[in-house]
Amino acid sequence: MKFCESLQHIMMAVSWGGHESLVILNVQGIPVSDFDPSNPEHRWVRLYVGLEEADYLIKDLRIQAFP
């Protein structure tokens, strides 16, 4: 959640066929009580890549992954 919310240019939302890049947690639909931080799949994010310039998106991801 912290990673997704820290992105500057990639919004956290579900894709409805738009052209912008989006990110969503893999566990977005499960109850908080079912979240297991030791489960690698519960730490995945889904990234929808839109039509923005690649460098623009890479910079946003890199800053958040390697501050």
PDB file of N, CA and C in Angstrom:
ATOM      1  N   MET A   1       0.827  -1.184   0.000  1.00  0.00           N
ATOM      2  CA  MET A   1       0.000   0.000   0.000  1.00  0.00           C
ATOM      3  C   MET A   1       0.874   1.252   0.000  1.00  0.00           C
ATOM      4  N   LYS A   2       1.912   1.234   0.857  1.00  0.00           N
ATOM      5  CA  LYS A   2       2.799   2.392   0.960  1.00  0.00           C
ATOM      6  C   LYS A   2       3.459   2.694  -0.383  1.00  0.00           C
ATOM      7  N   PHE A   3       3.938   1.651  -1.070  1.00  0.00           N
ATOM      8  CA  PHE A   3       4.567   1.839  -2.375  1.00  0.00           C
ATOM      9  C   PHE A   3       3.588   2.456  -3.365  1.00  0.00           C
ATOM     10  N   CYS A   4       2.397   1.890  -3.464  1.00  0.00           N
ATOM     11  CA  CYS A   4       1.403   2.378  -4.430  1.00  0.00           C
ATOM     12  C   CYS A   4       1.020   3.823  -4.165  1.00  0.00           C
ATOM     13  N   GLU A   5       0.844   4.155  -2.892  1.00  0.00           N
ATOM     14  CA  GLU A   5       0.435   5.513  -2.547  1.00  0.00           C
ATOM     15  C   GLU A   5       1.567   6.528  -2.701  1.00  0.00           C
ATOM     16  N   SER A   6       2.801   6.052  -2.747  1.00  0.00           N
ATOM     17  CA  SER A   6       3.934   6.973  -2.865  1.00  0.00           C
ATOM     18  C   SER A   6       4.245   7.345  -4.313  1.00  0.00           C
ATOM     19  N   LEU A   7       3.668   6.646  -5.272  1.00  0.00           N
ATOM     20  CA  LEU A   7       3.914   6.969  -6.674  1.00  0.00           C
ATOM     21  C   LEU A   7       3.354   8.355  -6.994  1.00  0.00           C
ATOM     22  N   GLN A   8       4.106   9.123  -7.765  1.00  0.00           N
ATOM     23  CA  GLN A   8       3.717  10.492  -8.091  1.00  0.00           C
ATOM     24  C   GLN A   8       2.837  10.575  -9.339  1.00  0.00           C
ATOM     25  N   HIS A   9       3.085   9.715 -10.321  1.00  0.00           N
ATOM     26  CA  HIS A   9       2.420   9.848 -11.619  1.00  0.00           C
ATOM     27  C   HIS A   9       1.562   8.647 -12.006  1.00  0.00           C
ATOM     28  N   ILE A  10       1.660   7.585 -11.258  1.00  0.00           N
ATOM     29  CA  ILE A  10       0.864   6.388 -11.536  1.00  0.00           C
ATOM     30  C   ILE A  10      -0.189   6.288 -10.441  1.00  0.00           C
ATOM     31  N   MET A  11      -1.442   6.401 -10.813  1.00  0.00           N
ATOM     32  CA  MET A  11      -2.532   6.419  -9.844  1.00  0.00           C
ATOM     33  C   MET A  11      -2.914   5.001  -9.420  1.00  0.00           C
ATOM     34  N   MET A  12      -3.375   4.861  -8.176  1.00  0.00           N
ATOM     35  CA  MET A  12      -3.846   3.573  -7.689  1.00  0.00           C
ATOM     36  C   MET A  12      -5.335   3.466  -8.007  1.00  0.00           C
ATOM     37  N   ALA A  13      -5.661   2.616  -8.983  1.00  0.00           N
ATOM     38  CA  ALA A  13      -7.049   2.461  -9.431  1.00  0.00           C
ATOM     39  C   ALA A  13      -7.160   1.223 -10.312  1.00  0.00           C
ATOM     40  N   VAL A  14      -8.388   0.833 -10.595  1.00  0.00           N
ATOM     41  CA  VAL A  14      -8.675  -0.284 -11.500  1.00  0.00           C
ATOM     42  C   VAL A  14      -8.767   0.250 -12.919  1.00  0.00           C
ATOM     43  N   SER A  15      -8.268  -0.494 -13.867  1.00  0.00           N
ATOM     44  CA  SER A  15      -8.315  -0.061 -15.261  1.00  0.00           C
ATOM     45  C   SER A  15      -9.695  -0.300 -15.856  1.00  0.00           C
ATOM     46  N   TRP A  16     -10.226   0.741 -16.462  1.00  0.00           N
ATOM     47  CA  TRP A  16     -11.503   0.636 -17.184  1.00  0.00           C
ATOM     48  C   TRP A  16     -11.282   0.897 -18.669  1.00  0.00           C
ATOM     49  N   GLY A  17     -10.065   0.610 -19.135  1.00  0.00           N
ATOM     50  CA  GLY A  17      -9.761   0.757 -20.555  1.00  0.00           C
ATOM     51  C   GLY A  17      -9.247   2.129 -20.925  1.00  0.00           C
ATOM     52  N   GLY A  18      -8.828   2.914 -19.956  1.00  0.00           N
ATOM     53  CA  GLY A  18      -8.288   4.234 -20.240  1.00  0.00           C
ATOM     54  C   GLY A  18      -6.873   4.155 -20.788  1.00  0.00           C
ATOM     55  N   HIS A  19      -6.260   5.304 -20.974  1.00  0.00           N
ATOM     56  CA  HIS A  19      -4.923   5.358 -21.566  1.00  0.00           C
ATOM     57  C   HIS A  19      -3.822   5.668 -20.555  1.00  0.00           C
ATOM     58  N   GLU A  20      -4.183   5.886 -19.292  1.00  0.00           N
ATOM     59  CA  GLU A  20      -3.181   6.248 -18.295  1.00  0.00           C
ATOM     60  C   GLU A  20      -2.685   5.014 -17.534  1.00  0.00           C
ATOM     61  N   SER A  21      -1.469   5.119 -17.026  1.00  0.00           N
ATOM     62  CA  SER A  21      -0.883   4.019 -16.253  1.00  0.00           C
ATOM     63  C   SER A  21      -1.504   3.983 -14.862  1.00  0.00           C
ATOM     64  N   LEU A  22      -1.751   2.772 -14.378  1.00  0.00           N
ATOM     65  CA  LEU A  22      -2.383   2.583 -13.075  1.00  0.00           C
ATOM     66  C   LEU A  22      -1.687   1.451 -12.331  1.00  0.00           C
ATOM     67  N   VAL A  23      -1.854   1.433 -11.020  1.00  0.00           N
ATOM     68  CA  VAL A  23      -1.319   0.363 -10.192  1.00  0.00           C
ATOM     69  C   VAL A  23      -2.396  -0.029  -9.188  1.00  0.00           C
ATOM     70  N   ILE A  24      -2.451  -1.315  -8.844  1.00  0.00           N
ATOM     71  CA  ILE A  24      -3.408  -1.788  -7.844  1.00  0.00           C
ATOM     72  C   ILE A  24      -2.771  -2.946  -7.084  1.00  0.00           C
ATOM     73  N   LEU A  25      -3.102  -3.052  -5.830  1.00  0.00           N
ATOM     74  CA  LEU A  25      -2.586  -4.138  -5.002  1.00  0.00           C
ATOM     75  C   LEU A  25      -3.205  -5.460  -5.433  1.00  0.00           C
ATOM     76  N   ASN A  26      -2.427  -6.521  -5.407  1.00  0.00           N
ATOM     77  CA  ASN A  26      -2.935  -7.853  -5.747  1.00  0.00           C
ATOM     78  C   ASN A  26      -4.007  -8.299  -4.748  1.00  0.00           C
ATOM     79  N   VAL A  27      -3.942  -7.804  -3.526  1.00  0.00           N
ATOM     80  CA  VAL A  27      -4.864  -8.227  -2.468  1.00  0.00           C
ATOM     81  C   VAL A  27      -5.981  -7.214  -2.231  1.00  0.00           C
ATOM     82  N   GLN A  28      -6.202  -6.330  -3.172  1.00  0.00           N
ATOM     83  CA  GLN A  28      -7.174  -5.250  -2.995  1.00  0.00           C
ATOM     84  C   GLN A  28      -8.551  -5.750  -2.576  1.00  0.00           C
ATOM     85  N   GLY A  29      -8.961  -6.903  -3.039  1.00  0.00           N
ATOM     86  CA  GLY A  29     -10.306  -7.375  -2.768  1.00  0.00           C
ATOM     87  C   GLY A  29     -10.465  -8.296  -1.568  1.00  0.00           C
ATOM     88  N   ILE A  30      -9.385  -8.582  -0.834  1.00  0.00           N
ATOM     89  CA  ILE A  30      -9.518  -9.499   0.296  1.00  0.00           C
ATOM     90  C   ILE A  30      -9.646  -8.717   1.607  1.00  0.00           C
ATOM     91  N   PRO A  31     -10.270  -9.294   2.603  1.00  0.00           N
ATOM     92  CA  PRO A  31     -10.373  -8.617   3.907  1.00  0.00           C
ATOM     93  C   PRO A  31      -8.995  -8.436   4.548  1.00  0.00           C
ATOM     94  N   VAL A  32      -8.837  -7.353   5.280  1.00  0.00           N
ATOM     95  CA  VAL A  32      -7.566  -7.061   5.954  1.00  0.00           C
ATOM     96  C   VAL A  32      -7.151  -8.225   6.850  1.00  0.00           C
ATOM     97  N   SER A  33      -8.104  -8.884   7.470  1.00  0.00           N
ATOM     98  CA  SER A  33      -7.789 -10.000   8.371  1.00  0.00           C
ATOM     99  C   SER A  33      -7.171 -11.189   7.630  1.00  0.00           C
ATOM    100  N   ASP A  34      -7.362 -11.283   6.312  1.00  0.00           N
ATOM    101  CA  ASP A  34      -6.797 -12.371   5.521  1.00  0.00           C
ATOM    102  C   ASP A  34      -5.413 -12.046   4.962  1.00  0.00           C
ATOM    103  N   PHE A  35      -4.970 -10.796   5.130  1.00  0.00           N
ATOM    104  CA  PHE A  35      -3.660 -10.403   4.615  1.00  0.00           C
ATOM    105  C   PHE A  35      -2.557 -11.108   5.395  1.00  0.00           C
ATOM    106  N   ASP A  36      -1.620 -11.716   4.652  1.00  0.00           N
ATOM    107  CA  ASP A  36      -0.502 -12.440   5.254  1.00  0.00           C
ATOM    108  C   ASP A  36       0.798 -11.879   4.682  1.00  0.00           C
ATOM    109  N   PRO A  37       1.519 -11.041   5.432  1.00  0.00           N
ATOM    110  CA  PRO A  37       2.740 -10.430   4.900  1.00  0.00           C
ATOM    111  C   PRO A  37       3.829 -11.436   4.538  1.00  0.00           C
ATOM    112  N   SER A  38       3.748 -12.652   5.046  1.00  0.00           N
ATOM    113  CA  SER A  38       4.752 -13.661   4.698  1.00  0.00           C
ATOM    114  C   SER A  38       4.434 -14.357   3.367  1.00  0.00           C
ATOM    115  N   ASN A  39       3.243 -14.121   2.831  1.00  0.00           N
ATOM    116  CA  ASN A  39       2.846 -14.691   1.541  1.00  0.00           C
ATOM    117  C   ASN A  39       3.326 -13.756   0.429  1.00  0.00           C
ATOM    118  N   PRO A  40       4.269 -14.200  -0.407  1.00  0.00           N
ATOM    119  CA  PRO A  40       4.787 -13.328  -1.475  1.00  0.00           C
ATOM    120  C   PRO A  40       3.693 -12.779  -2.390  1.00  0.00           C
ATOM    121  N   GLU A  41       2.665 -13.569  -2.659  1.00  0.00           N
ATOM    122  CA  GLU A  41       1.588 -13.104  -3.536  1.00  0.00           C
ATOM    123  C   GLU A  41       0.806 -11.946  -2.932  1.00  0.00           C
ATOM    124  N   HIS A  42       0.836 -11.812  -1.633  1.00  0.00           N
ATOM    125  CA  HIS A  42       0.128 -10.716  -0.971  1.00  0.00           C
ATOM    126  C   HIS A  42       0.920  -9.411  -1.026  1.00  0.00           C
ATOM    127  N   ARG A  43       2.127  -9.465  -1.572  1.00  0.00           N
ATOM    128  CA  ARG A  43       2.946  -8.258  -1.706  1.00  0.00           C
ATOM    129  C   ARG A  43       3.076  -7.817  -3.161  1.00  0.00           C
ATOM    130  N   TRP A  44       2.411  -8.509  -4.064  1.00  0.00           N
ATOM    131  CA  TRP A  44       2.466  -8.160  -5.483  1.00  0.00           C
ATOM    132  C   TRP A  44       1.590  -6.950  -5.772  1.00  0.00           C
ATOM    133  N   VAL A  45       1.950  -6.235  -6.823  1.00  0.00           N
ATOM    134  CA  VAL A  45       1.096  -5.173  -7.348  1.00  0.00           C
ATOM    135  C   VAL A  45       0.874  -5.446  -8.828  1.00  0.00           C
ATOM    136  N   ARG A  46      -0.231  -4.974  -9.328  1.00  0.00           N
ATOM    137  CA  ARG A  46      -0.530  -5.101 -10.758  1.00  0.00           C
ATOM    138  C   ARG A  46      -0.339  -3.725 -11.372  1.00  0.00           C
ATOM    139  N   LEU A  47       0.440  -3.666 -12.421  1.00  0.00           N
ATOM    140  CA  LEU A  47       0.742  -2.410 -13.078  1.00  0.00           C
ATOM    141  C   LEU A  47       0.147  -2.413 -14.480  1.00  0.00           C
ATOM    142  N   TYR A  48      -0.713  -1.451 -14.732  1.00  0.00           N
ATOM    143  CA  TYR A  48      -1.272  -1.249 -16.070  1.00  0.00           C
ATOM    144  C   TYR A  48      -0.455  -0.142 -16.717  1.00  0.00           C
ATOM    145  N   VAL A  49       0.218  -0.435 -17.815  1.00  0.00           N
ATOM    146  CA  VAL A  49       1.060   0.554 -18.472  1.00  0.00           C
ATOM    147  C   VAL A  49       0.250   1.259 -19.544  1.00  0.00           C
ATOM    148  N   GLY A  50       0.216   2.583 -19.433  1.00  0.00           N
ATOM    149  CA  GLY A  50      -0.563   3.401 -20.359  1.00  0.00           C
ATOM    150  C   GLY A  50       0.284   3.945 -21.498  1.00  0.00           C
ATOM    151  N   LEU A  51      -0.110   5.109 -21.977  1.00  0.00           N
ATOM    152  CA  LEU A  51       0.537   5.704 -23.145  1.00  0.00           C
ATOM    153  C   LEU A  51       1.567   6.780 -22.808  1.00  0.00           C
ATOM    154  N   GLU A  52       1.887   6.939 -21.535  1.00  0.00           N
ATOM    155  CA  GLU A  52       2.881   7.937 -21.163  1.00  0.00           C
ATOM    156  C   GLU A  52       4.261   7.527 -21.681  1.00  0.00           C
ATOM    157  N   GLU A  53       5.162   8.493 -21.717  1.00  0.00           N
ATOM    158  CA  GLU A  53       6.547   8.204 -22.108  1.00  0.00           C
ATOM    159  C   GLU A  53       7.154   7.209 -21.118  1.00  0.00           C
ATOM    160  N   ALA A  54       7.892   6.252 -21.615  1.00  0.00           N
ATOM    161  CA  ALA A  54       8.487   5.210 -20.771  1.00  0.00           C
ATOM    162  C   ALA A  54       9.387   5.805 -19.694  1.00  0.00           C
ATOM    163  N   ASP A  55      10.215   6.774 -20.058  1.00  0.00           N
ATOM    164  CA  ASP A  55      11.129   7.382 -19.076  1.00  0.00           C
ATOM    165  C   ASP A  55      10.376   8.043 -17.926  1.00  0.00           C
ATOM    166  N   TYR A  56       9.233   8.616 -18.215  1.00  0.00           N
ATOM    167  CA  TYR A  56       8.379   9.269 -17.217  1.00  0.00           C
ATOM    168  C   TYR A  56       7.923   8.252 -16.173  1.00  0.00           C
ATOM    169  N   LEU A  57       7.498   7.087 -16.633  1.00  0.00           N
ATOM    170  CA  LEU A  57       7.024   6.035 -15.731  1.00  0.00           C
ATOM    171  C   LEU A  57       8.180   5.366 -14.993  1.00  0.00           C
ATOM    172  N   ILE A  58       9.252   5.094 -15.699  1.00  0.00           N
ATOM    173  CA  ILE A  58      10.417   4.455 -15.082  1.00  0.00           C
ATOM    174  C   ILE A  58      10.972   5.315 -13.960  1.00  0.00           C
ATOM    175  N   LYS A  59      11.035   6.608 -14.185  1.00  0.00           N
ATOM    176  CA  LYS A  59      11.539   7.517 -13.154  1.00  0.00           C
ATOM    177  C   LYS A  59      10.673   7.437 -11.900  1.00  0.00           C
ATOM    178  N   ASP A  60       9.359   7.426 -12.060  1.00  0.00           N
ATOM    179  CA  ASP A  60       8.450   7.339 -10.915  1.00  0.00           C
ATOM    180  C   ASP A  60       8.650   6.023 -10.169  1.00  0.00           C
ATOM    181  N   LEU A  61       8.719   4.930 -10.877  1.00  0.00           N
ATOM    182  CA  LEU A  61       8.916   3.621 -10.248  1.00  0.00           C
ATOM    183  C   LEU A  61      10.284   3.521  -9.572  1.00  0.00           C
ATOM    184  N   ARG A  62      11.312   4.022 -10.227  1.00  0.00           N
ATOM    185  CA  ARG A  62      12.665   3.935  -9.677  1.00  0.00           C
ATOM    186  C   ARG A  62      12.797   4.747  -8.396  1.00  0.00           C
ATOM    187  N   ILE A  63      12.245   5.934  -8.360  1.00  0.00           N
ATOM    188  CA  ILE A  63      12.335   6.776  -7.165  1.00  0.00           C
ATOM    189  C   ILE A  63      11.681   6.092  -5.978  1.00  0.00           C
ATOM    190  N   GLN A  64      10.565   5.419  -6.191  1.00  0.00           N
ATOM    191  CA  GLN A  64       9.848   4.769  -5.106  1.00  0.00           C
ATOM    192  C   GLN A  64      10.506   3.454  -4.682  1.00  0.00           C
ATOM    193  N   ALA A  65      11.091   2.745  -5.633  1.00  0.00           N
ATOM    194  CA  ALA A  65      11.707   1.463  -5.305  1.00  0.00           C
ATOM    195  C   ALA A  65      13.092   1.631  -4.690  1.00  0.00           C
ATOM    196  N   PHE A  66      13.794   2.676  -5.098  1.00  0.00           N
ATOM    197  CA  PHE A  66      15.168   2.910  -4.615  1.00  0.00           C
ATOM    198  C   PHE A  66      15.319   4.367  -4.184  1.00  0.00           C
ATOM    199  N   PRO A  67      14.654   4.772  -3.103  1.00  0.00           N
ATOM    200  CA  PRO A  67      14.706   6.189  -2.699  1.00  0.00           C
ATOM    201  C   PRO A  67      16.088   6.651  -2.289  1.00  0.00           C
TER     202      PRO A  67
END
